[in-house]
Amino acid sequence: MPRIYPPIWCQNPSCQTCTKFDCDTKIIKLFSPLKEEKLNFADSNKKIEITSIAIYFEYCQRLAKYYLLFPQESLMIVKNNFVNFSTGEPTTVEIQRIFLDMLDHNDPNAPTDGVHKFRMKFFLAATKKGKGYVVSEKGQEEIKLSKKERLELITLVKSFCQKLKKGEIFTFNKTDNLLRCKYCFLPDCEQI
C-alpha cells in the first residue's frame, strides 16, 4: 500500500530515497509521550481503534499491544504533523493508522494486505455494505462480504473488545512470520 499519511517533514512520500529508520524513529519519538506504560481499558466507554484490532488478527499480536498502548482516537498531534497525501490537507486519522503507514513504507511487498482487507471488511460490516475496494501498488481488489461474514466479523470484533476491556486478554504473541518482523518498525518488541 502507498503511504497515505506522510509526516509534514517528508520530502518524498514514496519512501524510496529516505532512511526509513530515521523517519520511524522521529515518529515514535513524537508519539512517545502519549504511550501508556500498560494496557488500561477499565473505562468501558474507551474506544479500541479498528487498526489495532486488524493488526492483532492479521499481523502480530505483540505489535497490536504496542498499538493499544496509545490513545485510540484522532488527536491534534496527528493533525499538526501528518497530511493526507491525496488531498494535501492535515489528517485526522488515529495514531494507529500512522503506524500502519510505517509498516507499509510505500513498499508493494509489505505484508500488510491482510490488515487492510480486515479494516475494509469491518467498515463494510459496520455500514452494512456488500462490497468495497482495497487499493495497493498491485492494483485494486474488490472485497465482498456476505451477511453471514458481516455478522461473524462484528461478533469477533465485539468479543475481542469485551475481553480486552475485562482484562481477559493477557498474552500477545509475536508473529511467527519473519517477513512481518522485517517490516516492523519496533527496534525491540520483547520489551512490550
Protein backbone atom coordinates (compact mmCIF):
# COMPACT_ATOMS: atom_id res chain seq x y z
CA MET A 1 0.00 0.00 0.00
CA PRO A 2 1.24 3.51 -0.68
CA ARG A 3 1.98 5.82 2.23
CA ILE A 4 -1.29 7.69 2.67
CA TYR A 5 -0.41 9.93 5.62
CA PRO A 6 3.18 11.15 5.33
CA PRO A 7 4.67 13.40 8.02
CA ILE A 8 4.88 17.13 7.29
CA TRP A 9 8.69 16.95 7.24
CA CYS A 10 8.61 14.33 4.49
CA GLN A 11 10.15 15.48 1.21
CA ASN A 12 9.47 12.24 -0.63
CA PRO A 13 6.34 10.31 0.47
CA SER A 14 7.26 7.47 -1.88
CA CYS A 15 9.76 6.44 0.84
CA GLN A 16 12.20 5.17 -1.77
CA THR A 17 15.04 7.63 -1.14
CA CYS A 18 14.57 8.19 2.60
CA THR A 19 16.14 6.47 5.57
CA LYS A 20 13.10 4.66 6.94
CA PHE A 21 14.73 4.07 10.31
CA ASP A 22 15.31 7.81 10.87
CA CYS A 23 11.74 8.68 9.87
CA ASP A 24 10.26 5.91 12.03
CA THR A 25 12.39 6.97 14.99
CA LYS A 26 11.22 10.56 14.64
CA ILE A 27 7.56 9.47 14.52
CA ILE A 28 7.92 7.16 17.53
CA LYS A 29 9.64 9.94 19.47
CA LEU A 30 6.82 12.34 18.53
CA PHE A 31 4.16 9.97 19.91
CA SER A 32 6.14 8.53 22.85
CA PRO A 33 4.78 11.00 25.47
CA LEU A 34 1.30 9.61 24.75
CA LYS A 35 2.25 5.96 25.30
CA GLU A 36 0.86 4.32 28.41
CA GLU A 37 3.04 2.01 30.49
CA LYS A 38 0.48 -0.79 30.50
CA LEU A 39 -2.82 -1.61 28.87
CA ASN A 40 -5.72 0.10 30.57
CA PHE A 41 -9.21 -0.37 29.21
CA ALA A 42 -11.02 -0.25 32.56
CA ASP A 43 -13.27 2.50 31.19
CA SER A 44 -15.85 0.52 29.27
CA ASN A 45 -16.52 3.51 27.01
CA LYS A 46 -12.91 3.68 25.88
CA LYS A 47 -12.65 3.18 22.13
CA ILE A 48 -10.48 0.50 20.53
CA GLU A 49 -9.41 1.58 17.07
CA ILE A 50 -10.04 -0.92 14.25
CA THR A 51 -6.42 -0.78 13.04
CA SER A 52 -5.25 -2.11 16.42
CA ILE A 53 -7.70 -5.00 16.09
CA ALA A 54 -6.69 -5.68 12.48
CA ILE A 55 -3.02 -5.77 13.49
CA TYR A 56 -3.88 -8.26 16.27
CA PHE A 57 -5.66 -10.67 13.92
CA GLU A 58 -3.73 -10.12 10.68
CA TYR A 59 -0.15 -9.13 11.53
CA CYS A 60 1.28 -9.58 15.03
CA GLN A 61 -0.35 -9.67 18.46
CA ARG A 62 2.73 -8.16 20.09
CA LEU A 63 2.67 -5.21 17.69
CA ALA A 64 -1.07 -4.87 18.40
CA LYS A 65 -0.25 -4.49 22.10
CA TYR A 66 2.07 -1.62 21.17
CA TYR A 67 -0.75 -0.02 19.14
CA LEU A 68 -3.09 -0.42 22.11
CA LEU A 69 -0.73 1.47 24.44
CA PHE A 70 -1.56 4.70 22.58
CA PRO A 71 -4.80 6.71 22.57
CA GLN A 72 -7.26 5.11 20.16
CA GLU A 73 -8.69 8.36 18.83
CA SER A 74 -7.82 11.17 16.49
CA LEU A 75 -5.57 13.76 18.16
CA MET A 76 -4.21 17.20 17.29
CA ILE A 77 -0.64 15.84 17.33
CA VAL A 78 -1.55 13.80 14.23
CA LYS A 79 -3.38 16.67 12.55
CA ASN A 80 -0.43 19.01 13.20
CA ASN A 81 2.24 16.61 11.91
CA PHE A 82 0.72 14.48 9.12
CA VAL A 83 -1.11 15.15 5.89
CA ASN A 84 -3.47 13.19 3.71
CA PHE A 85 -1.38 12.54 0.60
CA SER A 86 -4.36 12.61 -1.75
CA THR A 87 -5.67 16.00 -0.54
CA GLY A 88 -2.54 17.66 0.86
CA GLU A 89 -4.61 18.66 3.90
CA PRO A 90 -3.87 17.83 7.55
CA THR A 91 -5.29 14.46 8.51
CA THR A 92 -7.47 13.47 11.42
CA VAL A 93 -6.70 9.73 11.48
CA GLU A 94 -5.64 7.91 14.60
CA ILE A 95 -2.03 7.21 15.60
CA GLN A 96 -2.59 3.55 14.75
CA ARG A 97 -3.21 4.43 11.08
CA ILE A 98 0.07 6.36 11.01
CA PHE A 99 1.79 3.27 12.44
CA LEU A 100 0.24 1.16 9.67
CA ASP A 101 1.79 3.52 7.10
CA MET A 102 5.12 2.92 8.85
CA LEU A 103 4.79 -0.81 8.19
CA ASP A 104 3.99 -0.24 4.52
CA HIS A 105 6.54 2.48 3.70
CA ASN A 106 5.15 2.51 0.18
CA ASP A 107 6.61 -0.93 -0.44
CA PRO A 108 4.32 -3.13 -2.56
CA ASN A 109 5.87 -6.19 -0.92
CA ALA A 110 4.98 -5.13 2.62
CA PRO A 111 2.94 -7.98 4.12
CA THR A 112 0.05 -5.79 5.25
CA ASP A 113 -2.65 -6.76 2.75
CA GLY A 114 -4.46 -8.81 5.41
CA VAL A 115 -4.60 -5.78 7.71
CA HIS A 116 -6.03 -3.53 5.01
CA LYS A 117 -8.58 -6.17 3.99
CA PHE A 118 -9.64 -6.73 7.61
CA ARG A 119 -10.16 -2.98 8.05
CA MET A 120 -12.18 -2.76 4.84
CA LYS A 121 -14.30 -5.76 5.83
CA PHE A 122 -15.02 -4.14 9.18
CA PHE A 123 -16.07 -0.87 7.53
CA LEU A 124 -18.31 -2.83 5.17
CA ALA A 125 -19.82 -4.73 8.10
CA ALA A 126 -20.33 -1.56 10.15
CA THR A 127 -22.03 0.26 7.27
CA LYS A 128 -23.88 -2.87 6.07
CA LYS A 129 -22.46 -2.57 2.58
CA GLY A 130 -21.80 -5.63 0.46
CA LYS A 131 -18.57 -4.64 -1.25
CA GLY A 132 -15.68 -2.20 -1.21
CA TYR A 133 -12.18 -1.85 -2.59
CA VAL A 134 -8.63 -2.01 -1.30
CA VAL A 135 -6.10 -0.22 -3.49
CA SER A 136 -2.41 -1.06 -3.43
CA GLU A 137 0.60 -0.92 -5.70
CA LYS A 138 -0.60 -4.24 -7.07
CA GLY A 139 -3.90 -2.72 -8.19
CA GLN A 140 -7.44 -2.50 -6.95
CA GLU A 141 -9.02 -5.51 -5.24
CA GLU A 142 -12.73 -5.84 -4.67
CA ILE A 143 -13.71 -7.02 -1.20
CA LYS A 144 -17.12 -8.64 -0.83
CA LEU A 145 -18.82 -9.51 2.42
CA SER A 146 -21.88 -11.72 2.78
CA LYS A 147 -24.43 -11.13 5.54
CA LYS A 148 -23.07 -14.18 7.39
CA GLU A 149 -19.46 -12.93 7.11
CA ARG A 150 -20.57 -9.48 8.27
CA LEU A 151 -22.21 -10.92 11.40
CA GLU A 152 -19.20 -13.16 12.12
CA LEU A 153 -16.80 -10.23 11.85
CA ILE A 154 -18.91 -7.96 14.07
CA THR A 155 -19.14 -10.76 16.64
CA LEU A 156 -15.37 -11.34 16.52
CA VAL A 157 -14.57 -7.64 16.98
CA LYS A 158 -17.13 -7.15 19.78
CA SER A 159 -15.86 -10.24 21.60
CA PHE A 160 -12.24 -9.08 21.29
CA CYS A 161 -13.10 -5.62 22.64
CA GLN A 162 -15.14 -7.02 25.54
CA LYS A 163 -12.36 -9.43 26.53
CA LEU A 164 -9.74 -6.71 26.31
CA LYS A 165 -11.80 -4.34 28.45
CA LYS A 166 -12.39 -7.07 31.05
CA GLY A 167 -8.67 -7.87 31.14
CA GLU A 168 -9.22 -11.37 29.75
CA ILE A 169 -6.58 -11.00 27.03
CA PHE A 170 -3.24 -11.46 28.73
CA THR A 171 -0.95 -12.81 26.05
CA PHE A 172 0.22 -11.01 22.97
CA ASN A 173 2.30 -13.45 20.97
CA LYS A 174 4.95 -12.44 18.49
CA THR A 175 4.24 -13.45 14.91
CA ASP A 176 6.00 -16.49 13.51
CA ASN A 177 6.20 -14.81 10.10
CA LEU A 178 9.74 -13.39 9.89
CA LEU A 179 8.80 -11.31 6.85
CA ARG A 180 6.44 -9.34 9.08
CA CYS A 181 9.27 -8.83 11.58
CA LYS A 182 11.45 -7.48 8.77
CA TYR A 183 8.89 -4.73 8.08
CA CYS A 184 8.17 -3.94 11.72
CA PHE A 185 9.33 -0.54 12.96
CA LEU A 186 9.86 -1.63 16.58
CA PRO A 187 13.54 -1.98 17.47
CA ASP A 188 12.83 -4.45 20.31
CA CYS A 189 9.37 -5.92 20.71
CA GLU A 190 10.48 -8.21 23.54
CA GLN A 191 10.08 -5.30 25.97
CA ILE A 192 6.42 -4.68 25.16
